[in-house]
Structure formats: C-alpha cells, structure tokens
Amino acid sequence: MRKIIYKILNNLCLTCTIIFTLICLSIRDAYSQDAEFTQFYASPIFLNPAFAGTHMCPRLTLNHRNQWPGVPATFITNAFSYDQHVDGLHGGLGLMIVNDRMANSLQNNRVSGVYSYQMKLSRKFSVRLGLEAAFWQKKLDWNQLTFGDMIDPIRGFVYQTGDIPRGGTRSGLDFSAGFLGFSEQFYFGFAAHHLNEPNESLLTNETSPLPRKFTGHMGFHIPWSGNGSVYRETETIVSPNILYRMQGSAQQLNMGLYVQKGPYVGGVWYRNQDAFIILLGVEVGLVKVGYSYDVTVSDLSMATSGSHELSLQINFDCQPKKRTYRTISCPSF
C-alpha cells in the first residue's frame, strides 16, 4: 500500500513538473520586476539617483534582504553603495553594486555610476536632478534546474536531463533618472528607472524587456517636543511618509511613519494588500543600523514566513569649505 501511494505521489510530481516546465518555456513575452528594499531611505540611491550626495559628506551603505525565507526558492538581495557631494561638480557622485539572487539558479548583478546636480531655488528650498548609468548581468545556472525527464516514478530525480541549455547569460546597459525637491521640513521626489527597457531574456532569440519603473515619494520632517520648545538635542522627530511605485502592470502603495528620539528610531509601514512592516534603528556615532520585518498579510502569509532586512549606514565626518548647499532632512531607514 505504501509503495502504491509513493508511486502515485511521484507520478503527480512528474506531471506537475512537466506542466510547469512547458508553461515556462512557452512564454515568449515574459516580464520581470526589480528587487526592492523595505528600508527605502537606507538605500537612498537605489530608491532615487537624485539622492547621491545629499548627506554632503561621504556616505557608505550596506543592505541585506531575505525575502520569504519560508519558501524553498528564497530571494536574497544585497546592495553596497557609496556617495558624496563634490563642490566642484555642484552635485554628488555615487557608486552602487547590487546582487539579487533568486533560488540557487538565477542571479542578477548590477553596477551603477550616479551623478546628481543640486540647485538652490531659494534660501530654504533646493532641488537635485540625478542620472544613473548601470551595467547589468543576469545569469541562469542550468545545472540547478530540474526537468520532467529526470524523474523516475519510484526513485524520484535520478536521471540526467535531455534538455539542451539555450542561453543562460544576458548583459547590457541600463539608464535611470530622478528628481528631488526638499526644504528643512519637507521633501518629495520622482524616479524613472530602466528608461531604455533592456531585454533580460535568458533564452536565445527571445524577448523579455524589463519594464520602466516609476516611483514617487514624499514625506515630512516634523520636530516635536511636549513643552513648546522647537529644537532640542533630544527632540522627537515625527516623519510621515508615502511612496507609490508602478512597474508594468504591478502597482504598490506604501504608507508609513517614523519616530526618532535621540539615537533611536522606530517605524511602522503598510504596503497595500501585502504586508505590515515593523522597523527598529539606532545611531551610534557615525554608524546607523536598522532592522525591519515584513509581516505578510496576503494569501501567501502562511507559506512565506515574512521578510527580514538589515541595513548599515556609515556617515563620515567632513569639513566642507563652505556650506553652499543644504542637506536633506529625511529618514535614514
């Protein structure tokens, strides 16, 4: 009886694998989407290239995201970036490296150079325009894939596949742009990524354009103290924020609130019909560390185990010759 049940399950697995493989290989006009970080402002030039140099002094950021660890084919994203303001260029320069790994078979690597130009429109309001040029490479490891002809009805995956690899690596250039406007207590921005919609298809002679991604974001930096004083060293900063993103047919609306008291930051976010997000951060000297957890509320909640994200930001000290430009007062996470 046990052997019969085992054989039925193996046949079912074989059937599902064949169907899934045929569906995947029959899609000619497939569309992919970007990786993302929950801690938007902890990866500022990933969010918007106009953020390059907004801290004025050199800034280094490291980000790690483990999305849906409850799923066997989990998604791991790591990013490194460095940026600083350069007076002679009237703006900022940045470098960003992103590695996005999907299961063990698919990787997307990206190296970007970023430039932003800052203008003072008034004593209290400035704007930045940002440009990003990136070299990307997407790789598929065919040795990590499984196919229906590898399955024995009794013993499982024991055979070598007769499937012949068709491609597996694609690379190219990608261009993005952004805009940022800010005063001492208010900021807003817009970014358009993948302006040239590069072809990411991993199959030879096939097309899979990466759709343009449009992001709009805005927020407030509101100092608050319960005794009527305006600014103090230990003041509480309340920062409500909203972010809207659209890529292809996918849309996303994020609404959240940060509260900072001294070196400590807490935040809550809601990503529409997807997740509640809890964030904790601390600043020690030049270093800021943040952790966030996405509590999935969609139909995937039981299977995904949420998402974990860590950020590390180092804001170096510097002595600018003259304070010509204002820094932006936005959250660090």
Protein backbone atom coordinates (compact mmCIF):
# COMPACT_ATOMS: atom_id res chain seq x y z
CA MET A 1 0.00 0.00 0.00
CA ARG A 2 2.80 2.38 0.92
CA LYS A 3 4.54 1.70 -2.40
CA ILE A 4 1.33 2.44 -4.31
CA ILE A 5 0.85 5.78 -2.52
CA TYR A 6 4.51 6.66 -3.09
CA LYS A 7 4.18 5.83 -6.81
CA ILE A 8 1.04 7.99 -7.11
CA LEU A 9 2.81 10.94 -5.45
CA ASN A 10 5.83 10.58 -7.71
CA ASN A 11 3.64 10.46 -10.80
CA LEU A 12 1.81 13.56 -9.59
CA CYS A 13 5.14 15.33 -9.04
CA LEU A 14 6.26 14.28 -12.52
CA THR A 15 3.06 15.61 -14.11
CA CYS A 16 3.24 18.95 -12.26
CA THR A 17 6.92 19.40 -13.15
CA ILE A 18 6.29 18.75 -16.84
CA ILE A 19 3.35 21.16 -16.92
CA PHE A 20 5.32 23.86 -15.11
CA THR A 21 8.31 23.43 -17.42
CA LEU A 22 6.16 23.61 -20.55
CA ILE A 23 4.46 26.77 -19.30
CA CYS A 24 7.79 28.45 -18.53
CA LEU A 25 9.31 27.54 -21.88
CA SER A 26 6.22 28.61 -23.83
CA ILE A 27 6.21 32.17 -22.51
CA ARG A 28 7.83 34.38 -25.14
CA ASP A 29 6.91 37.85 -23.87
CA ALA A 30 7.69 37.44 -20.17
CA TYR A 31 8.14 40.48 -17.93
CA SER A 32 10.34 40.69 -14.87
CA GLN A 33 10.39 43.12 -11.96
CA ASP A 34 13.03 44.70 -9.76
CA ALA A 35 14.16 43.61 -6.35
CA GLU A 36 13.21 46.08 -3.64
CA PHE A 37 14.11 47.15 -0.12
CA THR A 38 11.63 47.90 2.64
CA GLN A 39 14.05 50.40 4.21
CA PHE A 40 13.83 52.81 1.29
CA TYR A 41 15.95 55.60 2.75
CA ALA A 42 18.64 53.20 3.99
CA SER A 43 19.43 52.55 0.31
CA PRO A 44 18.86 56.10 -0.98
CA ILE A 45 20.44 55.99 -4.44
CA PHE A 46 18.72 52.64 -5.08
CA LEU A 47 15.45 54.46 -4.46
CA ASN A 48 16.27 57.59 -6.46
CA PRO A 49 19.57 58.59 -8.14
CA ALA A 50 18.93 62.21 -7.13
CA PHE A 51 19.83 61.22 -3.54
CA ALA A 52 23.52 60.96 -4.49
CA GLY A 53 25.47 63.39 -2.30
CA THR A 54 22.52 64.59 -0.20
CA HIS A 55 24.43 63.88 3.02
CA MET A 56 27.21 66.16 1.69
CA CYS A 57 29.92 64.14 3.48
CA PRO A 58 30.91 60.64 2.30
CA ARG A 59 28.22 58.03 2.98
CA LEU A 60 28.55 54.25 2.77
CA THR A 61 25.55 51.91 2.92
CA LEU A 62 25.15 48.14 3.08
CA ASN A 63 21.78 46.42 2.72
CA HIS A 64 20.68 42.80 3.03
CA ARG A 65 17.18 41.45 2.40
CA ASN A 66 15.96 37.88 2.86
CA GLN A 67 12.51 37.76 1.29
CA TRP A 68 10.14 34.88 2.05
CA PRO A 69 12.56 32.55 3.91
CA GLY A 70 9.71 30.06 4.32
CA VAL A 71 9.76 29.38 0.57
CA PRO A 72 12.45 26.89 -0.57
CA ALA A 73 13.43 29.11 -3.52
CA THR A 74 14.05 32.18 -1.39
CA PHE A 75 15.06 35.63 -2.67
CA ILE A 76 18.26 37.21 -1.31
CA THR A 77 19.24 40.78 -2.22
CA ASN A 78 22.47 42.54 -1.19
CA ALA A 79 23.50 46.08 -2.05
CA PHE A 80 26.52 48.30 -1.48
CA SER A 81 26.67 51.99 -2.26
CA TYR A 82 28.97 54.95 -1.70
CA ASP A 83 28.16 58.59 -2.41
CA GLN A 84 29.30 62.09 -1.51
CA HIS A 85 28.85 65.70 -2.55
CA VAL A 86 31.55 67.31 -4.71
CA ASP A 87 31.55 71.11 -4.64
CA GLY A 88 33.39 71.41 -7.95
CA LEU A 89 30.64 69.43 -9.69
CA HIS A 90 27.81 71.27 -7.91
CA GLY A 91 26.34 67.92 -7.00
CA GLY A 92 27.02 64.37 -5.89
CA LEU A 93 28.71 61.24 -7.20
CA GLY A 94 27.76 57.69 -6.29
CA LEU A 95 28.66 54.06 -6.92
CA MET A 96 26.23 51.19 -6.32
CA ILE A 97 26.60 47.40 -6.58
CA VAL A 98 23.54 45.14 -6.29
CA ASN A 99 23.36 41.35 -6.24
CA ASP A 100 19.89 39.80 -6.43
CA ARG A 101 19.78 36.01 -6.07
CA MET A 102 16.60 34.03 -6.79
CA ALA A 103 16.93 30.47 -5.51
CA ASN A 104 20.29 28.96 -6.47
CA SER A 105 19.72 29.15 -10.19
CA LEU A 106 19.13 32.79 -11.12
CA GLN A 107 21.29 35.83 -10.30
CA ASN A 108 21.11 39.46 -11.32
CA ASN A 109 24.21 41.62 -10.81
CA ARG A 110 24.28 45.36 -11.33
CA VAL A 111 27.00 48.05 -11.11
CA SER A 112 25.87 51.69 -11.34
CA GLY A 113 27.50 55.08 -11.55
CA VAL A 114 25.36 58.00 -10.35
CA TYR A 115 25.59 61.79 -10.68
CA SER A 116 23.26 64.40 -9.22
CA TYR A 117 23.19 68.16 -9.74
CA GLN A 118 21.88 70.44 -7.00
CA MET A 119 20.30 73.88 -7.41
CA LYS A 120 19.14 76.33 -4.75
CA LEU A 121 15.83 77.82 -5.81
CA SER A 122 15.55 79.88 -2.63
CA ARG A 123 17.18 80.20 0.76
CA LYS A 124 15.02 77.36 2.10
CA PHE A 125 14.29 75.18 -0.93
CA SER A 126 16.65 73.14 -3.15
CA VAL A 127 16.29 70.60 -5.94
CA ARG A 128 18.50 67.80 -7.23
CA LEU A 129 18.46 66.10 -10.61
CA GLY A 130 20.03 62.65 -10.79
CA LEU A 131 21.24 60.37 -13.59
CA GLU A 132 22.26 56.72 -13.33
CA ALA A 133 24.10 54.55 -15.84
CA ALA A 134 24.34 50.86 -15.00
CA PHE A 135 25.91 47.71 -16.38
CA TRP A 136 23.84 44.64 -15.54
CA GLN A 137 24.24 40.92 -15.98
CA LYS A 138 21.64 38.22 -15.45
CA LYS A 139 22.77 34.60 -15.21
CA LEU A 140 20.87 31.32 -15.16
CA ASP A 141 22.62 28.18 -13.90
CA TRP A 142 21.05 25.37 -15.94
CA ASN A 143 22.71 22.78 -13.70
CA GLN A 144 20.42 23.85 -10.84
CA LEU A 145 17.23 23.29 -12.86
CA THR A 146 15.13 20.13 -12.77
CA PHE A 147 13.06 18.74 -15.64
CA GLY A 148 10.37 16.10 -16.02
CA ASP A 149 12.63 13.61 -17.81
CA MET A 150 14.88 13.46 -14.73
CA ILE A 151 12.18 11.80 -12.60
CA ASP A 152 11.82 8.09 -12.03
CA PRO A 153 8.26 7.24 -10.87
CA ILE A 154 9.65 5.25 -7.94
CA ARG A 155 13.05 6.73 -7.09
CA GLY A 156 12.45 10.42 -7.86
CA PHE A 157 15.10 12.65 -9.52
CA VAL A 158 17.75 10.15 -10.62
CA TYR A 159 18.24 10.69 -14.39
CA GLN A 160 20.21 13.17 -16.45
CA THR A 161 18.02 15.54 -18.45
CA GLY A 162 17.99 15.52 -22.21
CA ASP A 163 17.15 19.22 -22.25
CA ILE A 164 19.77 21.33 -24.03
CA PRO A 165 20.68 24.73 -22.48
CA ARG A 166 19.52 27.65 -24.65
CA GLY A 167 21.34 30.74 -23.48
CA GLY A 168 21.72 31.40 -19.78
CA THR A 169 23.50 34.78 -19.61
CA ARG A 170 22.41 38.24 -20.70
CA SER A 171 24.01 41.64 -20.03
CA GLY A 172 23.70 45.23 -21.13
CA LEU A 173 23.40 48.89 -20.18
CA ASP A 174 20.54 50.49 -18.30
CA PHE A 175 19.72 54.16 -17.66
CA SER A 176 17.64 55.86 -14.98
CA ALA A 177 16.88 59.40 -13.81
CA GLY A 178 15.39 61.11 -10.77
CA PHE A 179 14.28 64.39 -9.27
CA LEU A 180 14.30 65.53 -5.65
CA GLY A 181 12.95 68.70 -4.04
CA PHE A 182 13.40 69.49 -0.37
CA SER A 183 13.31 72.14 2.33
CA GLU A 184 14.15 71.84 6.01
CA GLN A 185 10.92 70.04 6.88
CA PHE A 186 9.51 68.72 3.58
CA TYR A 187 10.83 66.57 0.73
CA PHE A 188 9.45 64.87 -2.35
CA GLY A 189 10.89 63.05 -5.33
CA PHE A 190 10.25 61.13 -8.51
CA ALA A 191 12.41 58.47 -10.20
CA ALA A 192 12.14 56.68 -13.54
CA HIS A 193 14.26 53.52 -13.81
CA HIS A 194 15.04 51.40 -16.90
CA LEU A 195 14.36 54.18 -19.37
CA ASN A 196 15.65 52.04 -22.24
CA GLU A 197 13.78 48.88 -21.09
CA PRO A 198 16.70 46.44 -21.56
CA ASN A 199 15.99 42.95 -22.84
CA GLU A 200 16.57 40.47 -19.98
CA SER A 201 15.55 37.28 -21.78
CA LEU A 202 17.78 34.34 -20.87
CA LEU A 203 16.59 32.30 -23.85
CA THR A 204 18.32 32.76 -27.19
CA ASN A 205 16.42 34.92 -29.68
CA GLU A 206 13.64 35.64 -27.21
CA THR A 207 12.45 38.96 -25.76
CA SER A 208 11.77 39.84 -22.14
CA PRO A 209 12.01 43.63 -21.65
CA LEU A 210 12.44 44.96 -18.13
CA PRO A 211 9.53 47.44 -17.82
CA ARG A 212 10.15 51.03 -16.79
CA LYS A 213 9.69 51.57 -13.08
CA PHE A 214 8.19 54.83 -11.84
CA THR A 215 8.49 55.84 -8.19
CA GLY A 216 7.01 58.84 -6.41
CA HIS A 217 7.78 59.55 -2.76
CA MET A 218 7.25 62.35 -0.26
CA GLY A 219 7.50 62.97 3.45
CA PHE A 220 7.76 65.46 6.30
CA HIS A 221 10.36 66.06 8.99
CA ILE A 222 8.45 67.39 11.98
CA PRO A 223 10.29 68.23 15.22
CA TRP A 224 8.09 67.84 18.26
CA SER A 225 8.58 68.33 21.99
CA GLY A 226 5.88 68.34 24.59
CA ASN A 227 6.96 71.56 26.28
CA GLY A 228 6.55 74.08 23.46
CA SER A 229 10.26 74.20 22.54
CA VAL A 230 11.03 73.89 18.85
CA TYR A 231 14.52 72.39 18.56
CA ARG A 232 16.43 70.46 21.20
CA GLU A 233 19.17 67.90 21.22
CA THR A 234 16.79 65.21 22.42
CA GLU A 235 13.78 66.37 20.44
CA THR A 236 11.38 63.84 18.99
CA ILE A 237 11.20 63.79 15.20
CA VAL A 238 7.97 62.56 13.62
CA SER A 239 8.22 61.73 9.91
CA PRO A 240 5.13 60.57 7.98
CA ASN A 241 5.92 59.23 4.50
CA ILE A 242 4.21 57.86 1.43
CA LEU A 243 5.66 56.03 -1.57
CA TYR A 244 3.95 54.91 -4.78
CA ARG A 245 5.58 52.61 -7.32
CA MET A 246 4.48 51.25 -10.68
CA GLN A 247 6.31 48.79 -12.91
CA GLY A 248 4.50 47.20 -15.81
CA SER A 249 1.11 46.05 -14.53
CA ALA A 250 2.31 45.91 -10.91
CA GLN A 251 1.47 48.78 -8.57
CA GLN A 252 2.47 49.36 -4.98
CA LEU A 253 1.44 51.91 -2.36
CA ASN A 254 3.43 52.26 0.88
CA MET A 255 2.36 54.45 3.80
CA GLY A 256 4.35 54.77 6.98
CA LEU A 257 5.55 56.76 9.95
CA TYR A 258 8.98 57.11 11.55
CA VAL A 259 9.54 58.36 15.09
CA GLN A 260 13.05 59.28 16.24
CA LYS A 261 14.07 60.08 19.81
CA GLY A 262 17.75 60.74 20.31
CA PRO A 263 19.71 57.85 18.72
CA TYR A 264 16.68 55.54 18.46
CA VAL A 265 14.25 55.20 15.55
CA GLY A 266 11.05 53.19 15.27
CA GLY A 267 8.76 52.90 12.30
CA VAL A 268 5.63 51.21 11.00
CA TRP A 269 4.61 50.84 7.36
CA TYR A 270 1.77 49.29 5.43
CA ARG A 271 2.29 48.01 1.89
CA ASN A 272 -1.15 47.77 0.33
CA GLN A 273 -2.66 44.28 0.40
CA ASP A 274 0.74 42.75 1.05
CA ALA A 275 2.45 43.43 4.38
CA PHE A 276 2.72 45.34 7.64
CA ILE A 277 6.30 46.41 8.34
CA ILE A 278 7.97 46.99 11.70
CA LEU A 279 11.30 48.83 11.81
CA LEU A 280 13.84 49.48 14.57
CA GLY A 281 17.02 51.51 14.18
CA VAL A 282 19.81 53.01 16.27
CA GLU A 283 22.57 55.53 15.60
CA VAL A 284 25.91 55.15 17.38
CA GLY A 285 28.45 57.79 16.42
CA LEU A 286 28.90 57.67 12.65
CA VAL A 287 27.07 54.35 12.31
CA LYS A 288 23.36 53.70 11.80
CA VAL A 289 21.95 50.17 11.99
CA GLY A 290 18.40 49.20 11.09
CA TYR A 291 16.30 46.04 11.14
CA SER A 292 12.86 45.57 9.64
CA TYR A 293 10.44 42.67 9.38
CA ASP A 294 7.64 42.39 6.83
CA VAL A 295 4.59 40.64 8.26
CA THR A 296 2.88 39.23 5.18
CA VAL A 297 -0.90 39.72 5.19
CA SER A 298 -1.69 38.49 1.67
CA ASP A 299 -2.72 34.94 0.76
CA LEU A 300 0.98 33.97 0.92
CA SER A 301 1.20 34.71 4.67
CA MET A 302 1.28 31.08 5.86
CA ALA A 303 3.97 29.98 3.41
CA THR A 304 6.46 32.86 3.22
CA SER A 305 7.50 33.49 6.87
CA GLY A 306 7.64 37.22 6.09
CA SER A 307 10.82 39.05 5.11
CA HIS A 308 13.88 40.18 7.06
CA GLU A 309 16.00 43.18 6.19
CA LEU A 310 19.19 44.65 7.69
CA SER A 311 20.87 47.95 6.87
CA LEU A 312 24.17 49.52 7.87
CA GLN A 313 24.98 53.13 7.09
CA ILE A 314 28.20 54.99 7.86
CA ASN A 315 28.03 58.78 7.55
CA PHE A 316 31.59 60.07 7.64
CA ASP A 317 32.54 63.46 9.04
CA CYS A 318 33.98 66.11 6.76
CA GLN A 319 34.80 69.81 6.82
CA PRO A 320 33.26 71.45 3.74
CA LYS A 321 34.98 74.66 2.67
CA LYS A 322 31.68 76.45 2.51
CA ARG A 323 28.14 75.47 3.33
CA THR A 324 26.63 76.35 -0.03
CA TYR A 325 24.06 73.58 -0.17
CA ARG A 326 21.54 72.35 2.35
CA THR A 327 21.40 68.70 3.43
CA ILE A 328 18.09 66.88 3.19
CA SER A 329 16.24 66.07 6.41
CA CYS A 330 14.77 62.68 5.61
CA PRO A 331 14.76 59.35 7.49
CA SER A 332 17.82 57.10 7.45
CA PHE A 333 15.75 53.92 7.15
